[in-house]
Amino acid sequence: MTQSCYGGYIEFSARKSKDGYKYQSEYINCLIALKDIRSLMIIEHNIETLTKNEENQRTEFDYEFQLFLIRRRCYCLIELKLYDQAEEGLQYLLKADPGNKFAAQEMEFIKAMKEK
């Protein structure tokens, strides 16, 4: 099976699943691995959808998925060299979880890139 077939299958699964966080996560990871230009757009759409929910209606899975989306959004922004935007998301992650290794490492990477 080719990479595009995997992407199509995961996209179909993500759209059809009622509790599609698992499938959405895999779909987003697949798009990013393929350097697909839709990655950031799909991440933004999912964040927007999650933030429309009332705070008291959000589940633990919603919160975890939101953090996943922010991490992946930061990764895409760094790849695009949009460091200031990525820093905003990383700061949010560090505020939510001060021990977040991904966010700390990426902040160091951005700092090094800005110094060049």
N, C-alpha and C. Protein backbone atom coordinates (compact mmCIF):
# COMPACT_ATOMS: atom_id res chain seq x y z
N MET A 1 0.84 -1.18 0.00
CA MET A 1 0.00 0.00 0.00
C MET A 1 0.89 1.24 0.00
N THR A 2 0.58 2.21 -0.83
CA THR A 2 1.39 3.43 -0.90
C THR A 2 1.04 4.37 0.24
N GLN A 3 1.89 5.39 0.42
CA GLN A 3 1.65 6.36 1.48
C GLN A 3 0.31 7.07 1.28
N SER A 4 -0.05 7.40 0.04
CA SER A 4 -1.30 8.10 -0.20
C SER A 4 -2.50 7.22 0.13
N CYS A 5 -2.36 5.91 -0.05
CA CYS A 5 -3.44 5.00 0.33
C CYS A 5 -3.63 5.00 1.84
N TYR A 6 -2.53 4.97 2.58
CA TYR A 6 -2.63 5.04 4.04
C TYR A 6 -3.30 6.33 4.46
N GLY A 7 -2.88 7.44 3.86
CA GLY A 7 -3.47 8.73 4.18
C GLY A 7 -4.96 8.76 3.89
N GLY A 8 -5.37 8.20 2.75
CA GLY A 8 -6.79 8.15 2.39
C GLY A 8 -7.59 7.31 3.36
N TYR A 9 -7.05 6.17 3.75
CA TYR A 9 -7.73 5.31 4.71
C TYR A 9 -7.87 6.00 6.06
N ILE A 10 -6.80 6.62 6.52
CA ILE A 10 -6.83 7.29 7.82
C ILE A 10 -7.76 8.50 7.75
N GLU A 11 -7.75 9.22 6.63
CA GLU A 11 -8.65 10.37 6.48
C GLU A 11 -10.10 9.90 6.55
N PHE A 12 -10.42 8.82 5.86
CA PHE A 12 -11.78 8.27 5.89
C PHE A 12 -12.16 7.86 7.31
N SER A 13 -11.26 7.18 7.99
CA SER A 13 -11.52 6.74 9.36
C SER A 13 -11.72 7.93 10.28
N ALA A 14 -10.91 8.96 10.12
CA ALA A 14 -11.00 10.15 10.97
C ALA A 14 -12.33 10.85 10.77
N ARG A 15 -12.80 10.91 9.55
CA ARG A 15 -14.07 11.59 9.27
C ARG A 15 -15.27 10.79 9.76
N LYS A 16 -15.20 9.48 9.72
CA LYS A 16 -16.35 8.64 10.02
C LYS A 16 -16.45 8.24 11.49
N SER A 17 -15.40 8.40 12.25
CA SER A 17 -15.38 7.97 13.64
C SER A 17 -16.06 9.01 14.53
N LYS A 18 -16.96 8.53 15.39
CA LYS A 18 -17.65 9.44 16.31
C LYS A 18 -16.72 9.91 17.42
N ASP A 19 -15.85 9.06 17.87
CA ASP A 19 -14.85 9.47 18.85
C ASP A 19 -13.49 9.37 18.17
N GLY A 20 -13.27 10.26 17.20
CA GLY A 20 -12.15 10.14 16.29
C GLY A 20 -10.84 10.72 16.72
N TYR A 21 -10.65 10.98 18.02
CA TYR A 21 -9.37 11.56 18.42
C TYR A 21 -8.21 10.66 18.04
N LYS A 22 -8.38 9.38 18.25
CA LYS A 22 -7.30 8.45 17.90
C LYS A 22 -7.04 8.52 16.39
N TYR A 23 -8.10 8.49 15.61
CA TYR A 23 -7.94 8.50 14.17
C TYR A 23 -7.49 9.88 13.67
N GLN A 24 -8.03 10.94 14.28
CA GLN A 24 -7.59 12.29 13.91
C GLN A 24 -6.10 12.45 14.21
N SER A 25 -5.67 11.97 15.36
CA SER A 25 -4.26 12.07 15.73
C SER A 25 -3.37 11.35 14.72
N GLU A 26 -3.75 10.14 14.37
CA GLU A 26 -2.97 9.37 13.40
C GLU A 26 -2.98 10.04 12.03
N TYR A 27 -4.14 10.58 11.64
CA TYR A 27 -4.26 11.27 10.36
C TYR A 27 -3.33 12.49 10.33
N ILE A 28 -3.35 13.27 11.39
CA ILE A 28 -2.50 14.46 11.47
C ILE A 28 -1.02 14.06 11.45
N ASN A 29 -0.66 13.03 12.22
CA ASN A 29 0.73 12.57 12.21
C ASN A 29 1.15 12.10 10.82
N CYS A 30 0.25 11.43 10.14
CA CYS A 30 0.53 10.96 8.78
C CYS A 30 0.74 12.14 7.84
N LEU A 31 -0.12 13.14 7.91
CA LEU A 31 0.02 14.32 7.06
C LEU A 31 1.35 15.03 7.30
N ILE A 32 1.70 15.16 8.57
CA ILE A 32 2.95 15.84 8.91
C ILE A 32 4.15 15.03 8.40
N ALA A 33 4.10 13.73 8.57
CA ALA A 33 5.20 12.89 8.10
C ALA A 33 5.37 12.99 6.58
N LEU A 34 4.26 13.18 5.89
CA LEU A 34 4.30 13.31 4.43
C LEU A 34 4.57 14.76 3.99
N LYS A 35 4.69 15.66 4.97
CA LYS A 35 4.88 17.09 4.70
C LYS A 35 3.75 17.64 3.84
N ASP A 36 2.54 17.18 4.15
CA ASP A 36 1.34 17.58 3.43
C ASP A 36 0.94 19.00 3.84
N ILE A 37 0.63 19.83 2.88
CA ILE A 37 0.31 21.22 3.16
C ILE A 37 -1.01 21.39 3.93
N ARG A 38 -1.82 20.35 3.98
CA ARG A 38 -3.09 20.44 4.73
C ARG A 38 -2.90 20.31 6.23
N SER A 39 -1.74 19.90 6.68
CA SER A 39 -1.51 19.62 8.10
C SER A 39 -1.95 20.76 9.00
N LEU A 40 -1.42 21.93 8.78
CA LEU A 40 -1.69 23.07 9.64
C LEU A 40 -3.17 23.47 9.58
N MET A 41 -3.76 23.40 8.40
CA MET A 41 -5.17 23.74 8.24
C MET A 41 -6.07 22.79 9.04
N ILE A 42 -5.77 21.52 9.00
CA ILE A 42 -6.56 20.52 9.72
C ILE A 42 -6.36 20.66 11.22
N ILE A 43 -5.14 20.94 11.64
CA ILE A 43 -4.88 21.16 13.07
C ILE A 43 -5.68 22.37 13.55
N GLU A 44 -5.62 23.47 12.79
CA GLU A 44 -6.34 24.69 13.18
C GLU A 44 -7.85 24.43 13.25
N HIS A 45 -8.37 23.67 12.31
CA HIS A 45 -9.80 23.35 12.31
C HIS A 45 -10.18 22.56 13.57
N ASN A 46 -9.37 21.59 13.93
CA ASN A 46 -9.65 20.79 15.12
C ASN A 46 -9.56 21.63 16.40
N ILE A 47 -8.59 22.53 16.48
CA ILE A 47 -8.47 23.41 17.65
C ILE A 47 -9.71 24.30 17.74
N GLU A 48 -10.12 24.85 16.62
CA GLU A 48 -11.31 25.71 16.59
C GLU A 48 -12.55 24.95 17.04
N THR A 49 -12.69 23.74 16.57
CA THR A 49 -13.84 22.91 16.95
C THR A 49 -13.83 22.64 18.45
N LEU A 50 -12.68 22.31 19.00
CA LEU A 50 -12.58 22.03 20.44
C LEU A 50 -12.88 23.26 21.28
N THR A 51 -12.40 24.41 20.85
CA THR A 51 -12.58 25.62 21.66
C THR A 51 -14.00 26.15 21.60
N LYS A 52 -14.80 25.68 20.67
CA LYS A 52 -16.21 26.07 20.61
C LYS A 52 -17.02 25.40 21.72
N ASN A 53 -16.52 24.27 22.23
CA ASN A 53 -17.21 23.57 23.31
C ASN A 53 -17.11 24.36 24.60
N GLU A 54 -18.19 24.35 25.37
CA GLU A 54 -18.18 24.99 26.68
C GLU A 54 -17.15 24.31 27.58
N GLU A 55 -16.51 25.09 28.43
CA GLU A 55 -15.47 24.55 29.33
C GLU A 55 -15.99 23.39 30.17
N ASN A 56 -17.22 23.51 30.68
CA ASN A 56 -17.77 22.45 31.54
C ASN A 56 -18.23 21.22 30.76
N GLN A 57 -18.23 21.31 29.43
CA GLN A 57 -18.61 20.17 28.61
C GLN A 57 -17.41 19.40 28.08
N ARG A 58 -16.23 19.93 28.30
CA ARG A 58 -15.02 19.28 27.80
C ARG A 58 -14.64 18.10 28.68
N THR A 59 -14.15 17.08 28.02
CA THR A 59 -13.72 15.88 28.74
C THR A 59 -12.20 15.88 28.85
N GLU A 60 -11.68 14.93 29.59
CA GLU A 60 -10.23 14.77 29.70
C GLU A 60 -9.63 14.48 28.33
N PHE A 61 -10.36 13.72 27.50
CA PHE A 61 -9.89 13.39 26.16
C PHE A 61 -9.82 14.65 25.29
N ASP A 62 -10.79 15.57 25.47
CA ASP A 62 -10.75 16.84 24.74
C ASP A 62 -9.49 17.61 25.09
N TYR A 63 -9.19 17.69 26.36
CA TYR A 63 -8.02 18.42 26.84
C TYR A 63 -6.73 17.79 26.30
N GLU A 64 -6.63 16.49 26.38
CA GLU A 64 -5.44 15.78 25.88
C GLU A 64 -5.28 15.98 24.38
N PHE A 65 -6.40 15.92 23.65
CA PHE A 65 -6.34 16.11 22.20
C PHE A 65 -5.94 17.55 21.87
N GLN A 66 -6.43 18.51 22.64
CA GLN A 66 -6.06 19.90 22.43
C GLN A 66 -4.55 20.10 22.62
N LEU A 67 -3.99 19.51 23.66
CA LEU A 67 -2.55 19.61 23.88
C LEU A 67 -1.77 18.95 22.74
N PHE A 68 -2.25 17.81 22.27
CA PHE A 68 -1.64 17.14 21.12
C PHE A 68 -1.65 18.08 19.91
N LEU A 69 -2.80 18.70 19.65
CA LEU A 69 -2.92 19.60 18.51
C LEU A 69 -1.97 20.79 18.62
N ILE A 70 -1.84 21.33 19.81
CA ILE A 70 -0.93 22.46 20.01
C ILE A 70 0.51 22.03 19.77
N ARG A 71 0.89 20.85 20.27
CA ARG A 71 2.25 20.34 20.01
C ARG A 71 2.51 20.20 18.52
N ARG A 72 1.56 19.61 17.82
CA ARG A 72 1.74 19.38 16.39
C ARG A 72 1.73 20.69 15.61
N ARG A 73 0.90 21.64 16.06
CA ARG A 73 0.87 22.96 15.43
C ARG A 73 2.24 23.63 15.60
N CYS A 74 2.79 23.57 16.79
CA CYS A 74 4.12 24.15 17.04
C CYS A 74 5.16 23.50 16.14
N TYR A 75 5.11 22.19 16.01
CA TYR A 75 6.05 21.49 15.15
C TYR A 75 5.97 22.02 13.72
N CYS A 76 4.75 22.15 13.21
CA CYS A 76 4.57 22.66 11.83
C CYS A 76 5.09 24.08 11.70
N LEU A 77 4.78 24.92 12.68
CA LEU A 77 5.24 26.31 12.63
C LEU A 77 6.77 26.39 12.65
N ILE A 78 7.39 25.53 13.42
CA ILE A 78 8.86 25.50 13.46
C ILE A 78 9.41 25.07 12.11
N GLU A 79 8.79 24.08 11.51
CA GLU A 79 9.22 23.62 10.19
C GLU A 79 9.11 24.75 9.16
N LEU A 80 8.11 25.61 9.34
CA LEU A 80 7.91 26.74 8.43
C LEU A 80 8.74 27.97 8.83
N LYS A 81 9.52 27.81 9.90
CA LYS A 81 10.37 28.88 10.44
C LYS A 81 9.55 30.07 10.95
N LEU A 82 8.35 29.80 11.44
CA LEU A 82 7.49 30.81 12.06
C LEU A 82 7.68 30.70 13.57
N TYR A 83 8.87 31.07 14.00
CA TYR A 83 9.30 30.84 15.37
C TYR A 83 8.49 31.60 16.41
N ASP A 84 8.14 32.84 16.13
CA ASP A 84 7.39 33.62 17.12
C ASP A 84 6.02 32.99 17.40
N GLN A 85 5.36 32.53 16.35
CA GLN A 85 4.06 31.88 16.53
C GLN A 85 4.21 30.55 17.28
N ALA A 86 5.26 29.82 16.95
CA ALA A 86 5.50 28.55 17.63
C ALA A 86 5.78 28.78 19.11
N GLU A 87 6.52 29.83 19.43
CA GLU A 87 6.83 30.13 20.83
C GLU A 87 5.57 30.36 21.65
N GLU A 88 4.58 31.01 21.07
CA GLU A 88 3.32 31.25 21.79
C GLU A 88 2.70 29.92 22.23
N GLY A 89 2.64 28.98 21.32
CA GLY A 89 2.06 27.68 21.63
C GLY A 89 2.91 26.92 22.64
N LEU A 90 4.20 27.00 22.49
CA LEU A 90 5.11 26.31 23.42
C LEU A 90 5.00 26.90 24.83
N GLN A 91 4.85 28.21 24.91
CA GLN A 91 4.66 28.84 26.22
C GLN A 91 3.36 28.38 26.86
N TYR A 92 2.31 28.22 26.05
CA TYR A 92 1.04 27.70 26.56
C TYR A 92 1.24 26.28 27.11
N LEU A 93 1.97 25.45 26.37
CA LEU A 93 2.23 24.08 26.81
C LEU A 93 3.02 24.06 28.12
N LEU A 94 4.01 24.93 28.22
CA LEU A 94 4.82 24.98 29.45
C LEU A 94 4.01 25.51 30.63
N LYS A 95 3.08 26.38 30.37
CA LYS A 95 2.21 26.87 31.45
C LYS A 95 1.29 25.74 31.93
N ALA A 96 0.76 24.97 30.99
CA ALA A 96 -0.13 23.86 31.33
C ALA A 96 0.64 22.71 31.98
N ASP A 97 1.89 22.52 31.54
CA ASP A 97 2.72 21.42 32.03
C ASP A 97 4.18 21.87 32.07
N PRO A 98 4.62 22.45 33.20
CA PRO A 98 5.99 22.99 33.29
C PRO A 98 7.08 21.96 32.99
N GLY A 99 6.80 20.68 33.12
CA GLY A 99 7.79 19.64 32.85
C GLY A 99 7.74 19.10 31.43
N ASN A 100 7.03 19.76 30.54
CA ASN A 100 6.87 19.28 29.17
C ASN A 100 8.20 19.34 28.43
N LYS A 101 8.80 18.17 28.20
CA LYS A 101 10.12 18.09 27.57
C LYS A 101 10.10 18.58 26.13
N PHE A 102 9.05 18.23 25.41
CA PHE A 102 8.94 18.67 24.01
C PHE A 102 9.00 20.19 23.93
N ALA A 103 8.17 20.85 24.72
CA ALA A 103 8.10 22.31 24.68
C ALA A 103 9.43 22.94 25.07
N ALA A 104 10.05 22.42 26.12
CA ALA A 104 11.33 22.97 26.57
C ALA A 104 12.41 22.80 25.50
N GLN A 105 12.48 21.63 24.89
CA GLN A 105 13.48 21.38 23.85
C GLN A 105 13.25 22.25 22.62
N GLU A 106 11.99 22.41 22.26
CA GLU A 106 11.69 23.23 21.09
C GLU A 106 11.96 24.70 21.35
N MET A 107 11.74 25.16 22.58
CA MET A 107 12.06 26.55 22.93
C MET A 107 13.57 26.77 22.80
N GLU A 108 14.36 25.79 23.24
CA GLU A 108 15.82 25.89 23.10
C GLU A 108 16.24 25.90 21.63
N PHE A 109 15.57 25.08 20.83
CA PHE A 109 15.87 25.03 19.40
C PHE A 109 15.58 26.38 18.75
N ILE A 110 14.42 26.96 19.08
CA ILE A 110 14.05 28.26 18.52
C ILE A 110 15.05 29.33 18.94
N LYS A 111 15.43 29.29 20.20
CA LYS A 111 16.42 30.26 20.69
C LYS A 111 17.71 30.15 19.88
N ALA A 112 18.18 28.93 19.65
CA ALA A 112 19.40 28.71 18.87
C ALA A 112 19.23 29.20 17.43
N MET A 113 18.08 28.97 16.84
CA MET A 113 17.85 29.39 15.46
C MET A 113 17.79 30.91 15.36
N LYS A 114 17.23 31.55 16.34
CA LYS A 114 17.13 33.01 16.33
C LYS A 114 18.51 33.65 16.52
N GLU A 115 19.39 32.97 17.20
CA GLU A 115 20.73 33.51 17.45
C GLU A 115 21.62 33.42 16.21
N LYS A 116 21.26 32.58 15.27
CA LYS A 116 22.06 32.42 14.03
C LYS A 116 21.92 33.63 13.14
